[in-house]
Amino acid sequence: MKFELILELMGDMALLAMTANFIGRNRYIASCAERPTAPRCWLTLTIIFSVLSILGTYTGVPVEGALANTRLVGTIMGGIMGGPWVGLSIGFISGLHRYLIGGFTAEICGAATLLGGLMAGMARQKYGLHGINWKKAALLALAAEGLQKGMVLLLAKPFAAAWALEKAIAVPTTVVTMLGTVVFMLILKDIKTEQELHGAKAAQLSLEIASRTLPFLRHGLTMESAQKTAEIIFAFTGMDAVSISNREQVLAFVGKGADHHKPGEPIMTQSTKQTIISGTLHIVHTAQEQGCPVAGCPLQSSVVAPLVVNGAVIGTVKLNRAVPNGITEVDIRIAEGIAHLLSVQIELAEVDCQRKMREKAELKALQAQINPHFLFNTINIIMSFCRTNPDTARSLLGHLATMLRHSFAERQDFITLKEEMEGIAAYLEIVKARFGSRLTVITDLDPQVLDVPIPLLTLQPLVENAVQHGLFPKLSHCVLTIAAYRQDRTVVIDVRDNGVGVPAEKLRLILAGEGQGIGIRNVHKRLTGIYGKEYGLTIESTLGQGTTARIVLPYEGRDLAHAG
């Protein structure tokens, strides 16, 4: 009898195996198992495993006025998957169902089912979902069956009937419950291992694709960058077609169906539109689900992943197969990985673009910035010379015009040292009129470096700073020296003054970007950004003796400037 009972109960193993396979491969149920306390997840897990437990009761075998069944397998697995609250809920529902069926063990089996679900849930809470292996699951099943059988022997009346029942079913039901739980766990673990392998393969492929697409997407999501990206994805994944879209139109399409899915045209398929609206990954199994209005479209199944930048969907990446139900788990993982990495690249490109725009705006503001006091004083000086020395006034007006032209002119990011010095020379001629005989300007420029390209407004802020803050407060004779020369493979440019100097702490704050001095800070940041940390601006100052600002650039920087 015992062997035959085991064989009858083993028939339920097929149902358990199918359920384990369904649960393991269903992405929503798997996500519910990761956060079972969320109301929707709790409800989902409770319903699924309550149904499984109740089916275990219905398929039970009548023995000695009771039922030998696999109800506890569903209850235990529900507790393991969902934790204490899910296990308690399943135990209550399936236990109540068992009680309503009747029999002299109805109340006891119902209560034992409730406790079994709670035990499994507590085990999940203690060890975690992934910390319960098949051995722990088997011991848990043994404990739950032992609890139920002990309660039946202690509480069921008459005792003789309870003893006869357990003699008949104790071994078969315990063996089947343990085997069912172990099989369930092994199938789940096997699916998880398979998915991890798929995930690893997809992650490796996604990273390879991301590294290949980075040079194109660094400028943002355009039709050109999208086309290059789609071609790379198509070549690496072996899909039948790959497309990339923004929110309104197809940006790139490669593969089958390219005759009617054309870049620059509005999005045609409903699956892509749904992904843009929902912001979630969408899996298409058939041509009907695809929703392409063109008859005979070869694309039958696909996975559409959203491109999300700063929390907003900006487009999609779509991988297509030419057969129904052709999308595999690997395809889904690849689409997710590619979409995530492309989204990050696009977001970084936007951040970089905004940074460059901000720096451009800052540079334009610096270029157009003329100290109002300096301008008013210059005009007053010119006015004072109009009667006494018209030639000097005329000369100063010419220098002022030159300076203004350099300030407001539209220029490239790089100019030659010679061009930069033209604007500086005009500025210094006006400054000399203010200083009178107190100021001596010395320029020592090596002809080799005059044609070397330097970033726009590299020297002028340093010269203005030396004049305004170093020399102007000084009452005695002032000397400003501008020197430029080649040193091995570098160009060295010095701006020296014998002014009042800068306190060490104030100088540190200026270079660190924590104090005043937007011009100096801008120069240093641009130089290190273009040429690297080993180049840039250094400043040395001694109170009462003067300041030296030194710029070091690579002599080969001329190649970088022309390339940029």
Protein backbone atom coordinates (compact mmCIF):
# COMPACT_ATOMS: atom_id res chain seq x y z
CA MET A 1 0.00 0.00 0.00
CA LYS A 2 2.77 2.41 0.90
CA PHE A 3 4.55 1.97 -2.43
CA GLU A 4 1.36 2.37 -4.40
CA LEU A 5 0.52 5.49 -2.38
CA ILE A 6 3.92 6.96 -3.13
CA LEU A 7 3.37 6.32 -6.84
CA GLU A 8 -0.05 7.99 -6.74
CA LEU A 9 1.28 11.03 -4.92
CA MET A 10 4.29 11.26 -7.24
CA GLY A 11 1.86 12.13 -10.00
CA ASP A 12 1.61 15.54 -8.39
CA MET A 13 5.32 16.06 -9.03
CA ALA A 14 4.65 16.91 -12.65
CA LEU A 15 2.34 19.74 -11.54
CA LEU A 16 4.97 20.94 -9.06
CA ALA A 17 7.71 20.86 -11.72
CA MET A 18 5.59 22.80 -14.20
CA THR A 19 4.73 25.37 -11.56
CA ALA A 20 8.39 25.78 -10.56
CA ASN A 21 9.37 26.25 -14.20
CA PHE A 22 6.61 28.85 -14.71
CA ILE A 23 7.50 30.77 -11.56
CA GLY A 24 11.22 30.71 -12.25
CA ARG A 25 10.86 32.04 -15.78
CA ASN A 26 8.15 34.61 -15.12
CA ARG A 27 9.89 37.94 -14.64
CA TYR A 28 7.02 39.50 -12.70
CA ILE A 29 6.71 36.63 -10.20
CA ALA A 30 10.48 36.56 -9.76
CA SER A 31 10.45 40.28 -8.99
CA CYS A 32 7.61 39.71 -6.48
CA ALA A 33 9.75 37.16 -4.65
CA GLU A 34 12.45 39.83 -4.24
CA ARG A 35 10.04 42.28 -2.54
CA PRO A 36 7.18 40.20 -1.12
CA THR A 37 6.01 42.80 1.40
CA ALA A 38 4.74 45.11 -1.36
CA PRO A 39 0.92 44.73 -1.41
CA ARG A 40 0.70 43.69 -5.06
CA CYS A 41 3.57 41.19 -4.70
CA TRP A 42 2.10 39.76 -1.48
CA LEU A 43 -1.25 39.28 -3.23
CA THR A 44 0.33 37.67 -6.31
CA LEU A 45 2.39 35.15 -4.33
CA THR A 46 -0.48 34.38 -1.97
CA ILE A 47 -2.88 33.60 -4.82
CA ILE A 48 -0.40 31.44 -6.80
CA PHE A 49 0.76 29.27 -3.92
CA SER A 50 -2.68 29.06 -2.30
CA VAL A 51 -3.99 27.63 -5.57
CA LEU A 52 -1.05 25.20 -5.68
CA SER A 53 -1.70 24.09 -2.09
CA ILE A 54 -5.43 23.66 -2.71
CA LEU A 55 -4.71 21.60 -5.85
CA GLY A 56 -2.43 19.47 -3.69
CA THR A 57 -5.40 18.82 -1.40
CA TYR A 58 -7.80 18.07 -4.27
CA THR A 59 -5.43 15.57 -5.82
CA GLY A 60 -5.00 13.81 -2.45
CA VAL A 61 -5.66 10.10 -1.99
CA PRO A 62 -8.35 9.08 0.55
CA VAL A 63 -6.82 6.85 3.24
CA GLU A 64 -8.43 5.67 6.50
CA GLY A 65 -11.02 8.46 6.48
CA ALA A 66 -8.47 11.20 5.76
CA LEU A 67 -6.44 12.55 2.81
CA ALA A 68 -2.84 11.80 1.92
CA ASN A 69 -1.76 14.81 -0.18
CA THR A 70 1.00 17.24 -1.25
CA ARG A 71 -0.67 20.36 0.13
CA LEU A 72 2.32 21.21 2.33
CA VAL A 73 4.66 21.48 -0.69
CA GLY A 74 2.78 24.51 -2.03
CA THR A 75 2.51 26.03 1.42
CA ILE A 76 6.21 25.56 2.22
CA MET A 77 7.36 26.90 -1.15
CA GLY A 78 5.06 29.89 -0.79
CA GLY A 79 6.62 30.68 2.58
CA ILE A 80 10.13 30.32 1.18
CA MET A 81 9.32 32.55 -1.79
CA GLY A 82 7.35 35.18 0.12
CA GLY A 83 8.41 35.24 3.76
CA PRO A 84 6.32 35.16 6.97
CA TRP A 85 3.28 37.18 5.84
CA VAL A 86 2.91 35.35 2.54
CA GLY A 87 3.49 31.97 4.25
CA LEU A 88 0.93 32.79 6.94
CA SER A 89 -1.63 33.91 4.35
CA ILE A 90 -1.16 30.80 2.21
CA GLY A 91 -1.29 28.58 5.29
CA PHE A 92 -4.53 30.20 6.42
CA ILE A 93 -6.25 29.93 3.01
CA SER A 94 -5.18 26.38 2.20
CA GLY A 95 -5.69 25.30 5.85
CA LEU A 96 -9.21 26.73 5.84
CA HIS A 97 -9.91 24.91 2.59
CA ARG A 98 -8.71 21.64 4.13
CA TYR A 99 -10.90 22.23 7.20
CA LEU A 100 -13.98 22.80 5.04
CA ILE A 101 -13.45 19.49 3.23
CA GLY A 102 -13.97 17.70 6.52
CA GLY A 103 -12.73 14.44 8.01
CA PHE A 104 -11.63 13.60 11.52
CA THR A 105 -8.23 15.33 10.96
CA ALA A 106 -9.68 18.42 9.27
CA GLU A 107 -9.08 20.90 12.11
CA ILE A 108 -5.63 19.55 12.93
CA CYS A 109 -4.40 19.46 9.31
CA GLY A 110 -5.76 22.95 8.76
CA ALA A 111 -3.85 24.28 11.79
CA ALA A 112 -0.71 22.33 10.81
CA THR A 113 -0.85 23.88 7.33
CA LEU A 114 -1.02 27.34 8.85
CA LEU A 115 2.02 26.62 11.04
CA GLY A 116 3.92 25.05 8.14
CA GLY A 117 3.52 28.19 6.04
CA LEU A 118 4.66 30.33 8.95
CA MET A 119 7.71 28.10 9.56
CA ALA A 120 8.75 28.37 5.92
CA GLY A 121 8.27 32.15 5.96
CA MET A 122 10.41 32.48 9.09
CA ALA A 123 13.14 30.41 7.42
CA ARG A 124 13.05 32.78 4.44
CA GLN A 125 13.35 35.73 6.80
CA LYS A 126 16.34 34.18 8.59
CA TYR A 127 18.34 32.83 5.66
CA GLY A 128 17.05 34.94 2.76
CA LEU A 129 15.56 33.65 -0.47
CA HIS A 130 18.91 32.74 -1.99
CA GLY A 131 20.30 31.37 1.27
CA ILE A 132 17.89 28.39 1.35
CA ASN A 133 19.38 25.49 -0.62
CA TRP A 134 17.73 22.16 -1.37
CA LYS A 135 19.06 20.59 1.85
CA LYS A 136 17.51 23.28 4.06
CA ALA A 137 14.29 23.03 2.04
CA ALA A 138 14.22 19.24 2.61
CA LEU A 139 14.72 19.66 6.37
CA LEU A 140 11.98 22.30 6.40
CA ALA A 141 9.60 19.89 4.62
CA LEU A 142 10.53 17.14 7.09
CA ALA A 143 9.87 19.45 10.03
CA ALA A 144 6.49 20.56 8.64
CA GLU A 145 5.39 16.96 8.01
CA GLY A 146 6.66 15.92 11.44
CA LEU A 147 4.71 18.75 13.05
CA GLN A 148 1.51 17.77 11.24
CA LYS A 149 1.84 14.07 12.07
CA GLY A 150 2.70 14.78 15.67
CA MET A 151 -0.38 17.00 16.02
CA VAL A 152 -2.57 14.30 14.43
CA LEU A 153 -1.32 11.63 16.86
CA LEU A 154 -1.67 13.92 19.87
CA LEU A 155 -4.98 15.60 19.12
CA ALA A 156 -7.02 13.51 16.66
CA LYS A 157 -9.79 11.31 18.11
CA PRO A 158 -10.09 8.43 18.21
CA PHE A 159 -6.37 7.72 18.67
CA ALA A 160 -6.66 4.29 17.07
CA ALA A 161 -7.89 5.86 13.82
CA ALA A 162 -5.13 8.46 13.95
CA TRP A 163 -2.51 5.75 14.52
CA ALA A 164 -3.85 3.64 11.65
CA LEU A 165 -3.81 6.67 9.37
CA GLU A 166 -0.25 7.65 10.14
CA LYS A 167 0.97 4.04 9.84
CA ALA A 168 -0.43 4.07 6.32
CA ILE A 169 0.61 7.51 5.11
CA ALA A 170 3.45 8.82 7.30
CA VAL A 171 6.30 7.52 5.18
CA PRO A 172 4.73 8.12 1.72
CA THR A 173 3.57 11.67 2.42
CA THR A 174 6.82 12.64 4.13
CA VAL A 175 8.90 11.25 1.26
CA VAL A 176 6.75 12.93 -1.39
CA THR A 177 6.63 16.28 0.44
CA MET A 178 10.41 16.29 0.84
CA LEU A 179 10.97 15.21 -2.77
CA GLY A 180 8.46 17.72 -4.08
CA THR A 181 10.05 20.56 -2.14
CA VAL A 182 13.55 19.54 -3.23
CA VAL A 183 12.50 19.22 -6.89
CA PHE A 184 10.81 22.62 -6.71
CA MET A 185 13.93 24.23 -5.25
CA LEU A 186 16.32 22.51 -7.67
CA ILE A 187 14.30 23.66 -10.68
CA LEU A 188 14.24 27.24 -9.37
CA LYS A 189 17.98 27.16 -8.67
CA ASP A 190 18.70 25.67 -12.10
CA ILE A 191 16.66 28.38 -13.81
CA LYS A 192 18.42 31.06 -11.75
CA THR A 193 21.83 29.66 -12.72
CA GLU A 194 20.77 29.59 -16.37
CA GLN A 195 19.55 33.17 -16.12
CA GLU A 196 22.78 34.26 -14.47
CA LEU A 197 24.73 32.72 -17.35
CA HIS A 198 22.45 34.49 -19.81
CA GLY A 199 22.92 37.69 -17.83
CA ALA A 200 26.71 37.33 -17.86
CA LYS A 201 26.73 36.70 -21.61
CA ALA A 202 24.39 39.63 -22.19
CA ALA A 203 26.42 41.92 -19.92
CA GLN A 204 29.65 41.05 -21.73
CA LEU A 205 28.05 41.66 -25.11
CA SER A 206 26.40 44.89 -23.91
CA LEU A 207 29.70 46.25 -22.58
CA GLU A 208 31.44 45.40 -25.84
CA ILE A 209 28.72 47.19 -27.80
CA ALA A 210 28.84 50.16 -25.43
CA SER A 211 32.59 50.52 -25.84
CA ARG A 212 32.22 50.47 -29.64
CA THR A 213 29.38 52.99 -29.66
CA LEU A 214 30.94 55.44 -27.18
CA PRO A 215 32.85 57.49 -29.81
CA PHE A 216 29.59 58.11 -31.69
CA LEU A 217 27.23 58.76 -28.78
CA ARG A 218 29.57 61.17 -27.01
CA HIS A 219 27.94 63.90 -29.13
CA GLY A 220 24.40 62.85 -28.16
CA LEU A 221 21.62 60.91 -29.88
CA THR A 222 21.52 62.11 -33.48
CA MET A 223 20.59 60.34 -36.69
CA GLU A 224 24.28 59.87 -37.49
CA SER A 225 25.24 58.50 -34.06
CA ALA A 226 22.09 56.34 -33.92
CA GLN A 227 22.83 54.80 -37.33
CA LYS A 228 26.40 53.90 -36.36
CA THR A 229 25.14 52.50 -33.06
CA ALA A 230 22.42 50.40 -34.74
CA GLU A 231 24.97 48.98 -37.20
CA ILE A 232 27.25 47.95 -34.32
CA ILE A 233 24.38 46.32 -32.38
CA PHE A 234 23.22 44.52 -35.55
CA ALA A 235 26.69 43.15 -36.21
CA PHE A 236 27.25 41.92 -32.65
CA THR A 237 23.84 40.45 -31.79
CA GLY A 238 22.93 38.61 -34.98
CA MET A 239 19.38 39.97 -34.85
CA ASP A 240 17.29 40.16 -38.01
CA ALA A 241 16.82 43.91 -37.56
CA VAL A 242 17.82 46.66 -35.12
CA SER A 243 16.25 50.07 -34.81
CA ILE A 244 16.72 53.15 -32.65
CA SER A 245 14.15 55.91 -32.29
CA ASN A 246 13.51 59.09 -30.42
CA ARG A 247 10.01 59.86 -29.15
CA GLU A 248 8.60 60.75 -32.59
CA GLN A 249 10.64 59.24 -35.39
CA VAL A 250 12.95 56.43 -36.40
CA LEU A 251 16.56 57.59 -36.12
CA ALA A 252 18.22 54.44 -37.45
CA PHE A 253 17.20 51.08 -38.91
CA VAL A 254 19.37 48.15 -40.03
CA GLY A 255 18.22 44.75 -41.35
CA LYS A 256 15.01 43.21 -42.67
CA GLY A 257 12.14 45.62 -43.17
CA ALA A 258 14.42 48.53 -44.00
CA ASP A 259 12.35 49.16 -47.14
CA HIS A 260 9.53 50.68 -45.09
CA HIS A 261 11.05 51.36 -41.65
CA LYS A 262 13.09 54.34 -42.80
CA PRO A 263 15.18 56.74 -40.70
CA GLY A 264 13.66 60.18 -40.44
CA GLU A 265 10.07 58.92 -40.78
CA PRO A 266 7.50 58.71 -37.95
CA ILE A 267 7.42 55.60 -35.75
CA MET A 268 5.11 53.00 -37.34
CA THR A 269 4.83 50.12 -34.87
CA GLN A 270 2.48 50.12 -31.90
CA SER A 271 4.98 48.19 -29.78
CA THR A 272 7.51 51.04 -29.94
CA LYS A 273 4.84 53.64 -29.19
CA GLN A 274 3.67 51.63 -26.16
CA THR A 275 7.22 51.43 -24.80
CA ILE A 276 7.65 55.19 -25.12
CA ILE A 277 4.35 55.79 -23.29
CA SER A 278 4.88 53.22 -20.53
CA GLY A 279 8.64 53.63 -20.12
CA THR A 280 9.01 49.87 -19.60
CA LEU A 281 10.53 47.05 -21.61
CA HIS A 282 8.06 45.49 -24.06
CA ILE A 283 8.29 41.97 -25.48
CA VAL A 284 6.49 41.26 -28.76
CA HIS A 285 5.70 37.66 -29.70
CA THR A 286 3.74 37.94 -32.96
CA ALA A 287 3.33 40.22 -35.95
CA GLN A 288 -0.09 41.25 -34.64
CA GLU A 289 1.46 42.44 -31.39
CA GLN A 290 4.17 44.19 -33.39
CA GLY A 291 1.53 46.45 -34.90
CA CYS A 292 3.28 47.32 -38.17
CA PRO A 293 0.69 48.71 -40.63
CA VAL A 294 2.65 47.53 -43.69
CA ALA A 295 1.40 44.17 -45.01
CA GLY A 296 4.10 41.54 -45.35
CA CYS A 297 6.48 43.09 -42.85
CA PRO A 298 9.05 40.34 -42.14
CA LEU A 299 9.48 41.26 -38.48
CA GLN A 300 7.45 38.91 -36.28
CA SER A 301 8.81 39.28 -32.74
CA SER A 302 10.91 41.83 -30.90
CA VAL A 303 12.03 43.29 -27.61
CA VAL A 304 11.74 47.06 -27.20
CA ALA A 305 13.70 48.76 -24.41
CA PRO A 306 13.29 52.43 -23.45
CA LEU A 307 16.18 54.90 -23.47
CA VAL A 308 15.82 56.87 -20.25
CA VAL A 309 17.78 60.07 -19.59
CA ASN A 310 17.26 62.09 -16.41
CA GLY A 311 14.17 60.06 -15.60
CA ALA A 312 12.43 60.73 -18.94
CA VAL A 313 12.02 58.38 -21.92
CA ILE A 314 13.82 59.95 -24.88
CA GLY A 315 13.57 57.02 -27.28
CA THR A 316 13.91 53.26 -27.73
CA VAL A 317 16.27 50.56 -28.92
CA LYS A 318 14.52 47.64 -30.59
CA LEU A 319 15.86 44.16 -31.41
CA ASN A 320 13.78 42.22 -33.97
CA ARG A 321 13.44 38.59 -35.09
CA ALA A 322 11.80 37.38 -38.30
CA VAL A 323 10.06 34.43 -36.61
CA PRO A 324 7.17 34.40 -34.11
CA ASN A 325 8.13 33.90 -30.47
CA GLY A 326 11.77 34.30 -31.43
CA ILE A 327 12.88 36.49 -28.53
CA THR A 328 14.99 34.56 -26.01
CA GLU A 329 15.97 35.38 -22.44
CA VAL A 330 19.42 36.34 -23.72
CA ASP A 331 17.84 38.76 -26.22
CA ILE A 332 15.87 40.38 -23.40
CA ARG A 333 18.94 40.73 -21.19
CA ILE A 334 20.95 42.15 -24.09
CA ALA A 335 18.23 44.70 -24.88
CA GLU A 336 18.06 45.75 -21.22
CA GLY A 337 21.83 46.04 -20.95
CA ILE A 338 22.25 47.93 -24.21
CA ALA A 339 19.41 50.34 -23.39
CA HIS A 340 20.83 51.05 -19.93
CA LEU A 341 24.37 51.63 -21.17
CA LEU A 342 23.24 53.73 -24.13
CA SER A 343 21.07 55.81 -21.79
CA VAL A 344 24.07 56.44 -19.55
CA GLN A 345 26.23 57.39 -22.54
CA ILE A 346 23.60 59.80 -23.87
CA GLU A 347 23.14 61.33 -20.42
CA LEU A 348 26.90 61.80 -20.04
CA ALA A 349 27.02 63.34 -23.52
CA GLU A 350 24.33 65.83 -22.51
CA VAL A 351 26.19 66.67 -19.30
CA ASP A 352 29.40 67.16 -21.30
CA CYS A 353 27.56 69.31 -23.83
CA GLN A 354 26.07 71.45 -21.07
CA ARG A 355 29.49 71.78 -19.45
CA LYS A 356 31.01 72.94 -22.73
CA MET A 357 28.16 75.37 -23.31
CA ARG A 358 28.62 76.74 -19.80
CA GLU A 359 32.36 77.14 -20.35
CA LYS A 360 31.69 78.80 -23.70
CA ALA A 361 29.23 81.20 -22.10
CA GLU A 362 31.68 81.91 -19.30
CA LEU A 363 34.43 82.56 -21.84
CA LYS A 364 32.17 84.83 -23.90
CA ALA A 365 31.23 86.73 -20.78
CA LEU A 366 34.88 87.06 -19.87
CA GLN A 367 35.73 88.13 -23.41
CA ALA A 368 33.06 90.81 -23.40
CA GLN A 369 33.74 91.90 -19.84
CA ILE A 370 35.16 95.40 -19.67
CA ASN A 371 35.56 97.04 -16.30
CA PRO A 372 33.20 100.05 -16.34
CA HIS A 373 35.57 102.06 -14.14
CA PHE A 374 38.42 101.35 -16.53
CA LEU A 375 36.26 102.45 -19.47
CA PHE A 376 35.07 105.65 -17.75
CA ASN A 377 38.61 106.53 -16.66
CA THR A 378 39.91 105.89 -20.17
CA ILE A 379 37.24 108.17 -21.66
CA ASN A 380 38.04 110.88 -19.09
CA ILE A 381 41.76 110.61 -19.88
CA ILE A 382 41.06 110.88 -23.61
CA MET A 383 38.80 113.89 -22.99
CA SER A 384 41.54 115.58 -20.94
CA PHE A 385 44.02 115.14 -23.82
CA CYS A 386 41.59 116.39 -26.49
CA ARG A 387 42.64 120.06 -25.98
CA THR A 388 46.11 119.72 -24.51
CA ASN A 389 47.43 116.88 -26.71
CA PRO A 390 45.07 115.90 -29.57
CA ASP A 391 47.58 113.42 -31.03
CA THR A 392 47.71 111.47 -27.77
CA ALA A 393 43.92 111.53 -27.54
CA ARG A 394 43.67 110.24 -31.10
CA SER A 395 46.18 107.46 -30.33
CA LEU A 396 44.33 106.45 -27.20
CA LEU A 397 41.06 106.31 -29.09
CA GLY A 398 42.70 103.98 -31.60
CA HIS A 399 43.98 101.73 -28.81
CA LEU A 400 40.54 101.72 -27.17
CA ALA A 401 38.94 100.76 -30.49
CA THR A 402 41.47 97.94 -30.93
CA MET A 403 40.79 96.68 -27.42
CA LEU A 404 37.02 96.79 -27.92
CA ARG A 405 37.33 95.01 -31.26
CA HIS A 406 39.31 92.21 -29.61
CA SER A 407 36.78 92.00 -26.78
CA PHE A 408 33.69 91.68 -28.94
CA ALA A 409 35.08 89.91 -32.01
CA GLU A 410 33.76 86.44 -32.89
CA ARG A 411 36.80 84.19 -32.69
CA GLN A 412 37.74 80.54 -32.71
CA ASP A 413 38.67 78.79 -29.49
CA PHE A 414 42.37 79.17 -30.34
CA ILE A 415 44.35 82.19 -31.54
CA THR A 416 48.07 82.72 -31.95
CA LEU A 417 50.17 84.29 -29.23
CA LYS A 418 50.82 87.17 -31.61
CA GLU A 419 47.07 87.86 -31.98
CA GLU A 420 46.53 87.72 -28.22
CA MET A 421 49.36 90.21 -27.71
CA GLU A 422 47.74 92.72 -30.12
CA GLY A 423 44.77 93.19 -27.80
CA ILE A 424 47.04 93.23 -24.74
CA ALA A 425 49.31 95.88 -26.31
CA ALA A 426 46.29 98.16 -26.93
CA TYR A 427 45.16 97.64 -23.33
CA LEU A 428 48.62 98.47 -21.96
CA GLU A 429 48.93 101.64 -24.00
CA ILE A 430 45.74 102.91 -22.36
CA VAL A 431 47.02 101.78 -18.95
CA LYS A 432 50.25 103.75 -19.47
CA ALA A 433 48.17 106.91 -19.93
CA ARG A 434 46.64 106.30 -16.49
CA PHE A 435 49.93 105.42 -14.79
CA GLY A 436 51.97 108.08 -16.50
CA SER A 437 55.72 107.65 -16.05
CA ARG A 438 55.22 105.23 -13.14
CA LEU A 439 54.75 102.19 -15.41
CA THR A 440 57.35 100.41 -17.53
CA VAL A 441 56.23 97.54 -19.75
CA ILE A 442 58.81 95.02 -20.95
CA THR A 443 57.97 92.39 -23.57
CA ASP A 444 60.40 89.61 -24.37
CA LEU A 445 58.80 87.31 -26.91
CA ASP A 446 60.75 84.60 -28.72
CA PRO A 447 59.82 84.75 -32.45
CA GLN A 448 59.64 80.92 -32.44
CA VAL A 449 56.52 80.96 -30.29
CA LEU A 450 54.59 83.90 -31.76
CA ASP A 451 52.66 81.63 -34.13
CA VAL A 452 51.96 78.99 -31.50
CA PRO A 453 48.16 78.68 -31.01
CA ILE A 454 46.96 79.25 -27.47
CA PRO A 455 43.42 79.14 -26.04
CA LEU A 456 41.56 82.42 -26.45
CA LEU A 457 41.93 84.84 -23.51
CA THR A 458 44.83 83.01 -21.93
CA LEU A 459 47.10 86.01 -21.23
CA GLN A 460 44.77 89.00 -21.05
CA PRO A 461 43.17 88.04 -17.67
CA LEU A 462 46.66 87.59 -16.19
CA VAL A 463 47.87 90.94 -17.48
CA GLU A 464 44.75 92.74 -16.26
CA ASN A 465 45.06 91.08 -12.85
CA ALA A 466 48.72 92.14 -12.58
CA VAL A 467 47.85 95.73 -13.43
CA GLN A 468 44.68 96.12 -11.35
CA HIS A 469 45.64 94.17 -8.22
CA GLY A 470 49.43 94.08 -8.30
CA LEU A 471 50.63 97.42 -9.69
CA PHE A 472 47.81 99.92 -9.36
CA PRO A 473 47.89 99.96 -5.51
CA LYS A 474 51.67 100.55 -5.58
CA LEU A 475 52.84 104.19 -5.28
CA SER A 476 56.43 103.78 -6.50
CA HIS A 477 57.75 102.79 -9.94
CA CYS A 478 55.93 99.81 -11.50
CA VAL A 479 57.35 97.23 -13.91
CA LEU A 480 55.32 94.71 -15.88
CA THR A 481 57.18 92.03 -17.83
CA ILE A 482 55.65 89.66 -20.40
CA ALA A 483 58.04 86.96 -21.60
CA ALA A 484 57.45 83.94 -23.84
CA TYR A 485 60.00 81.36 -24.92
CA ARG A 486 60.40 77.74 -25.91
CA GLN A 487 61.84 75.32 -23.37
CA ASP A 488 62.47 71.83 -24.77
CA ARG A 489 59.04 70.63 -25.89
CA THR A 490 57.08 73.28 -24.02
CA VAL A 491 56.18 76.94 -24.40
CA VAL A 492 56.62 79.01 -21.24
CA ILE A 493 54.82 82.35 -20.86
CA ASP A 494 55.53 84.55 -17.82
CA VAL A 495 53.60 87.60 -16.66
CA ARG A 496 55.63 89.28 -13.87
CA ASP A 497 55.02 92.42 -11.86
CA ASN A 498 56.86 94.10 -9.00
CA GLY A 499 53.59 95.02 -7.30
CA VAL A 500 52.15 94.56 -3.82
CA GLY A 501 51.85 90.75 -4.03
CA VAL A 502 49.05 88.41 -3.02
CA PRO A 503 48.65 86.75 0.40
CA ALA A 504 49.26 82.99 0.23
CA GLU A 505 45.78 82.04 1.53
CA LYS A 506 44.01 84.34 -0.93
CA LEU A 507 46.08 82.91 -3.78
CA ARG A 508 45.19 79.36 -2.74
CA LEU A 509 41.48 80.20 -2.68
CA ILE A 510 41.62 81.81 -6.13
CA LEU A 511 43.30 78.78 -7.74
CA ALA A 512 40.97 76.39 -5.88
CA GLY A 513 37.95 78.24 -7.23
CA GLU A 514 36.77 79.32 -3.78
CA GLY A 515 37.52 83.02 -3.99
CA GLN A 516 37.30 85.87 -6.46
CA GLY A 517 39.21 85.79 -9.73
CA ILE A 518 36.97 84.20 -12.37
CA GLY A 519 39.47 85.12 -15.09
CA ILE A 520 42.43 83.36 -13.49
CA ARG A 521 40.35 80.36 -12.51
CA ASN A 522 38.96 80.11 -16.05
CA VAL A 523 42.45 80.19 -17.56
CA HIS A 524 43.74 77.45 -15.27
CA LYS A 525 40.70 75.20 -15.79
CA ARG A 526 40.79 75.52 -19.57
CA LEU A 527 44.51 74.85 -19.83
CA THR A 528 44.43 71.71 -17.70
CA GLY A 529 41.27 70.53 -19.47
CA ILE A 530 42.87 70.89 -22.91
CA TYR A 531 46.46 69.85 -22.27
CA GLY A 532 46.37 67.78 -19.08
CA LYS A 533 47.25 68.21 -15.41
CA GLU A 534 51.00 68.48 -16.11
CA TYR A 535 50.43 71.77 -17.92
CA GLY A 536 48.51 74.89 -16.96
CA LEU A 537 48.95 77.91 -14.74
CA THR A 538 51.08 78.41 -11.64
CA ILE A 539 51.35 81.60 -9.59
CA GLU A 540 54.06 82.59 -7.13
CA SER A 541 53.76 85.76 -5.09
CA THR A 542 55.71 87.51 -2.33
CA LEU A 543 54.09 90.32 -0.36
CA GLY A 544 55.71 93.65 -1.14
CA GLN A 545 57.86 92.23 -3.96
CA GLY A 546 55.50 91.13 -6.70
CA THR A 547 53.85 88.21 -8.46
CA THR A 548 54.78 85.84 -11.30
CA ALA A 549 52.10 83.98 -13.24
CA ARG A 550 53.55 81.20 -15.42
CA ILE A 551 51.78 79.30 -18.17
CA VAL A 552 53.31 76.09 -19.54
CA LEU A 553 51.92 74.60 -22.74
CA PRO A 554 53.13 71.75 -24.95
CA TYR A 555 54.90 73.09 -28.02
CA GLU A 556 53.15 70.30 -29.92
CA GLY A 557 49.89 71.88 -28.70
CA ARG A 558 49.71 73.54 -32.12
CA ASP A 559 48.62 70.14 -33.51
CA LEU A 560 45.94 69.74 -30.86
CA ALA A 561 44.62 73.25 -31.49
CA HIS A 562 44.34 72.76 -35.23
CA ALA A 563 42.70 69.35 -34.76
CA GLY A 564 40.14 70.78 -32.33
